[in-house]
Amino acid sequence: MSKRSTLLGRPVGASGEETRRRIIEATGRCVAEVGYSQATIREIARVAQVTSGTLYHYFPNKAELIKAAVAEMSAVALPRLTDAVDRSDGVLDKLTEIFDECARINRDYPYAAAFDRAIRAESARHLKLGEHSESMLAALRTVIADVLRQGKREGALGPGVDVPGASNAILTMIRGLNEHATMASSREYRSTVRALKALVRGKLFDYDALSGQPVDPLPHTH
């Protein structure tokens, strides 16, 4: 094999799985930086340090490549978030650990949040790429609901708060946190995570200083 063919093909010593992973990582980075429609196969191949021909050996077209990248990121994130819940005990610890794990995922995969945002914003509707992300969020919502059902059994939920509403509230925080990750500096992001954890624990405000009275329970809704 010539030096030229080595440089333009799969690097010497790289396994097929390593090359596939590098292509998927390059896809996430390119889509995050320039958007779905502008992320070309040629540019993804360049970032992955392979030829376009090598990329097509693993993925027959751009649609399949993007789908694989979405599936890969979902396959990484959900088990980590589930494990974060399992290694914690109390309801509040479980919920705040989810925020911490989100921060760790965004640290380990700095393009993940922007990639997800780009897919939601402009991916072709017929590819239904956003549905993969929605499926992951639905699975995460189930994890959160399980935690909150535990809280319900233990009497940890406030009066008038039900599990579906609380699950949606926590999931909305997580979605907002991921959106924030695409715009904020690392310092701002970490500060936001700390504030959200304080909010969940009821420590964001000094209620005595605000009103001098206990917080009224939420009214029941029908």
Protein backbone atom coordinates (compact mmCIF):
# COMPACT_ATOMS: atom_id res chain seq x y z
CA MET A 1 0.00 0.00 0.00
CA SER A 2 1.42 3.39 -0.96
CA LYS A 3 1.86 6.24 1.46
CA ARG A 4 -0.79 8.21 -0.45
CA SER A 5 -3.40 5.45 -0.23
CA THR A 6 -2.67 5.04 3.48
CA LEU A 7 -3.22 8.73 4.15
CA LEU A 8 -6.46 8.83 2.20
CA GLY A 9 -7.94 5.56 3.42
CA ARG A 10 -8.27 3.94 6.80
CA PRO A 11 -5.23 4.73 8.97
CA VAL A 12 -2.72 1.92 9.46
CA GLY A 13 -3.62 -0.12 12.53
CA ALA A 14 -7.16 1.22 12.75
CA SER A 15 -9.86 -1.42 13.10
CA GLY A 16 -13.15 -1.23 11.26
CA GLU A 17 -14.97 -0.39 14.48
CA GLU A 18 -12.49 2.40 15.30
CA THR A 19 -12.96 3.88 11.83
CA ARG A 20 -16.75 3.67 12.13
CA ARG A 21 -16.64 5.39 15.52
CA ARG A 22 -14.39 8.14 14.17
CA ILE A 23 -16.77 8.74 11.27
CA ILE A 24 -19.73 9.00 13.65
CA GLU A 25 -17.84 11.41 15.91
CA ALA A 26 -16.91 13.53 12.90
CA THR A 27 -20.56 13.54 11.85
CA GLY A 28 -21.64 14.86 15.23
CA ARG A 29 -19.02 17.58 15.12
CA CYS A 30 -19.78 18.70 11.57
CA VAL A 31 -23.55 18.78 12.06
CA ALA A 32 -23.10 20.64 15.34
CA GLU A 33 -20.89 23.26 13.70
CA VAL A 34 -22.63 23.91 10.38
CA GLY A 35 -26.04 22.26 10.60
CA TYR A 36 -27.61 19.21 9.01
CA SER A 37 -27.97 20.48 5.46
CA GLN A 38 -24.49 22.01 5.27
CA ALA A 39 -22.64 19.01 6.71
CA THR A 40 -21.36 17.35 3.53
CA ILE A 41 -20.02 13.83 3.17
CA ARG A 42 -16.73 15.27 1.91
CA GLU A 43 -16.29 17.45 4.99
CA ILE A 44 -17.29 14.66 7.39
CA ALA A 45 -14.77 12.36 5.71
CA ARG A 46 -12.07 15.04 5.98
CA VAL A 47 -12.69 15.51 9.70
CA ALA A 48 -12.72 11.73 10.21
CA GLN A 49 -9.45 11.48 8.24
CA VAL A 50 -10.82 9.01 5.73
CA THR A 51 -11.75 9.19 2.06
CA SER A 52 -15.32 9.66 0.95
CA GLY A 53 -15.07 6.15 -0.54
CA THR A 54 -14.10 4.72 2.83
CA LEU A 55 -17.01 6.52 4.48
CA TYR A 56 -19.43 5.08 1.92
CA HIS A 57 -18.06 1.63 2.72
CA TYR A 58 -19.53 2.02 6.22
CA PHE A 59 -22.60 4.13 5.41
CA PRO A 60 -24.34 4.01 2.00
CA ASN A 61 -25.65 7.58 2.19
CA LYS A 62 -25.84 10.65 4.37
CA ALA A 63 -29.24 9.73 5.78
CA GLU A 64 -27.96 6.42 7.16
CA LEU A 65 -24.87 8.14 8.54
CA ILE A 66 -26.90 10.75 10.42
CA LYS A 67 -29.28 8.08 11.72
CA ALA A 68 -26.31 6.11 13.03
CA ALA A 69 -24.93 9.20 14.76
CA VAL A 70 -28.28 9.91 16.42
CA ALA A 71 -28.62 6.29 17.55
CA GLU A 72 -25.05 6.23 18.86
CA MET A 73 -25.51 9.33 20.97
CA SER A 74 -28.78 8.03 22.37
CA ALA A 75 -27.13 4.69 23.16
CA VAL A 76 -24.43 6.50 25.13
CA ALA A 77 -26.57 9.03 27.01
CA LEU A 78 -29.51 7.00 28.29
CA PRO A 79 -27.52 4.21 30.01
CA ARG A 80 -25.33 6.81 31.70
CA LEU A 81 -28.35 8.72 32.99
CA THR A 82 -29.98 5.49 34.15
CA ASP A 83 -26.80 4.45 35.95
CA ALA A 84 -26.65 7.89 37.60
CA VAL A 85 -30.10 7.29 39.06
CA ASP A 86 -29.27 3.74 40.17
CA ARG A 87 -26.16 4.74 42.08
CA SER A 88 -28.06 7.30 44.17
CA ASP A 89 -30.44 6.62 47.04
CA GLY A 90 -32.88 9.40 47.93
CA VAL A 91 -35.28 11.02 45.49
CA LEU A 92 -33.53 14.39 45.55
CA ASP A 93 -30.12 12.75 45.17
CA LYS A 94 -31.36 10.79 42.16
CA LEU A 95 -32.81 13.87 40.47
CA THR A 96 -29.81 16.09 41.08
CA GLU A 97 -27.48 13.31 39.96
CA ILE A 98 -29.27 13.39 36.60
CA PHE A 99 -28.27 17.05 36.23
CA ASP A 100 -24.69 16.20 37.18
CA GLU A 101 -24.58 13.36 34.66
CA CYS A 102 -25.95 15.65 31.95
CA ALA A 103 -23.03 17.96 32.69
CA ARG A 104 -20.56 15.08 32.47
CA ILE A 105 -22.05 13.90 29.16
CA ASN A 106 -21.77 17.41 27.71
CA ARG A 107 -18.18 17.53 28.94
CA ASP A 108 -17.30 14.17 27.38
CA TYR A 109 -19.26 14.84 24.16
CA PRO A 110 -19.02 18.61 23.66
CA TYR A 111 -20.83 18.53 20.29
CA ALA A 112 -23.76 16.37 21.43
CA ALA A 113 -26.14 19.15 22.48
CA ALA A 114 -25.53 21.24 19.36
CA PHE A 115 -25.88 18.14 17.18
CA ASP A 116 -29.25 17.33 18.74
CA ARG A 117 -30.37 20.93 18.30
CA ALA A 118 -29.39 20.92 14.62
CA ILE A 119 -31.21 17.65 13.99
CA ARG A 120 -34.38 18.98 15.58
CA ALA A 121 -34.16 22.32 13.76
CA GLU A 122 -33.55 21.37 10.16
CA SER A 123 -33.34 17.67 9.43
CA ALA A 124 -35.46 16.48 6.54
CA ARG A 125 -38.91 15.50 7.77
CA HIS A 126 -39.08 12.34 5.67
CA LEU A 127 -36.01 10.98 7.47
CA LYS A 128 -37.78 11.37 10.83
CA LEU A 129 -34.43 11.96 12.53
CA GLY A 130 -35.96 13.96 15.34
CA GLU A 131 -38.01 10.94 16.33
CA HIS A 132 -34.88 9.16 17.55
CA SER A 133 -34.13 12.03 19.90
CA GLU A 134 -37.74 12.15 21.03
CA SER A 135 -37.62 8.42 21.77
CA MET A 136 -34.58 8.95 23.97
CA LEU A 137 -36.33 11.76 25.83
CA ALA A 138 -39.41 9.60 26.29
CA ALA A 139 -37.23 6.87 27.79
CA LEU A 140 -35.59 9.43 30.08
CA ARG A 141 -39.01 10.68 31.12
CA THR A 142 -39.86 7.11 32.17
CA VAL A 143 -36.71 7.01 34.30
CA ILE A 144 -37.64 10.32 35.92
CA ALA A 145 -41.22 9.17 36.49
CA ASP A 146 -39.96 6.04 38.26
CA VAL A 147 -37.93 8.23 40.61
CA LEU A 148 -40.90 10.48 41.27
CA ARG A 149 -43.20 7.53 41.92
CA GLN A 150 -40.72 6.52 44.59
CA GLY A 151 -40.99 10.06 45.93
CA LYS A 152 -44.78 9.80 45.89
CA ARG A 153 -44.67 6.60 47.91
CA GLU A 154 -42.31 8.20 50.41
CA GLY A 155 -44.41 11.34 50.70
CA ALA A 156 -41.67 13.47 49.16
CA LEU A 157 -43.82 15.20 46.55
CA GLY A 158 -45.52 18.39 47.64
CA PRO A 159 -49.27 18.66 48.03
CA GLY A 160 -51.02 19.01 44.67
CA VAL A 161 -48.02 17.78 42.69
CA ASP A 162 -48.61 14.68 40.58
CA VAL A 163 -46.05 12.38 38.99
CA PRO A 164 -46.83 13.20 35.31
CA GLY A 165 -46.64 16.95 35.90
CA ALA A 166 -43.46 16.70 37.95
CA SER A 167 -41.88 14.38 35.36
CA ASN A 168 -42.61 16.88 32.60
CA ALA A 169 -41.18 19.69 34.71
CA ILE A 170 -37.90 17.87 35.34
CA LEU A 171 -37.64 16.82 31.69
CA THR A 172 -38.25 20.40 30.59
CA MET A 173 -35.36 21.50 32.82
CA ILE A 174 -33.10 18.91 31.20
CA ARG A 175 -34.10 19.95 27.69
CA GLY A 176 -33.48 23.57 28.59
CA LEU A 177 -30.13 22.63 30.09
CA ASN A 178 -29.10 20.91 26.86
CA GLU A 179 -30.17 23.96 24.87
CA HIS A 180 -28.20 26.17 27.24
CA ALA A 181 -25.11 24.01 26.65
CA THR A 182 -25.07 25.07 22.99
CA MET A 183 -24.68 28.75 23.88
CA ALA A 184 -23.14 29.09 27.34
CA SER A 185 -19.51 29.03 28.36
CA SER A 186 -18.35 26.10 30.51
CA ARG A 187 -18.40 28.34 33.56
CA GLU A 188 -21.94 29.58 32.85
CA TYR A 189 -23.13 26.05 32.21
CA ARG A 190 -21.73 24.73 35.49
CA SER A 191 -23.30 27.65 37.33
CA THR A 192 -26.67 26.86 35.75
CA VAL A 193 -26.42 23.21 36.78
CA ARG A 194 -25.73 24.26 40.37
CA ALA A 195 -28.72 26.61 40.33
CA LEU A 196 -31.04 23.91 38.95
CA LYS A 197 -29.93 21.50 41.64
CA ALA A 198 -30.60 24.16 44.26
CA LEU A 199 -34.03 24.78 42.71
CA VAL A 200 -34.95 21.09 42.88
CA ARG A 201 -33.80 20.93 46.49
CA GLY A 202 -35.81 24.03 47.39
CA LYS A 203 -32.67 26.03 48.21
CA LEU A 204 -32.64 28.54 45.37
CA PHE A 205 -34.64 31.11 47.36
CA ASP A 206 -34.72 32.10 51.00
CA TYR A 207 -38.46 31.92 51.48
CA ASP A 208 -38.36 33.29 55.01
CA ALA A 209 -36.58 36.39 53.74
CA LEU A 210 -39.06 36.75 50.89
CA SER A 211 -42.29 36.44 52.82
CA GLY A 212 -41.70 35.41 56.35
CA GLN A 213 -44.34 32.76 55.80
CA PRO A 214 -44.27 29.11 54.74
CA VAL A 215 -44.82 28.53 51.03
CA ASP A 216 -48.48 27.79 50.24
CA PRO A 217 -49.06 24.33 48.76
CA LEU A 218 -49.94 24.18 45.10
CA PRO A 219 -53.67 23.98 44.45
CA HIS A 220 -55.12 20.77 43.04
CA THR A 221 -55.92 20.97 39.35
CA HIS A 222 -58.59 19.03 37.52
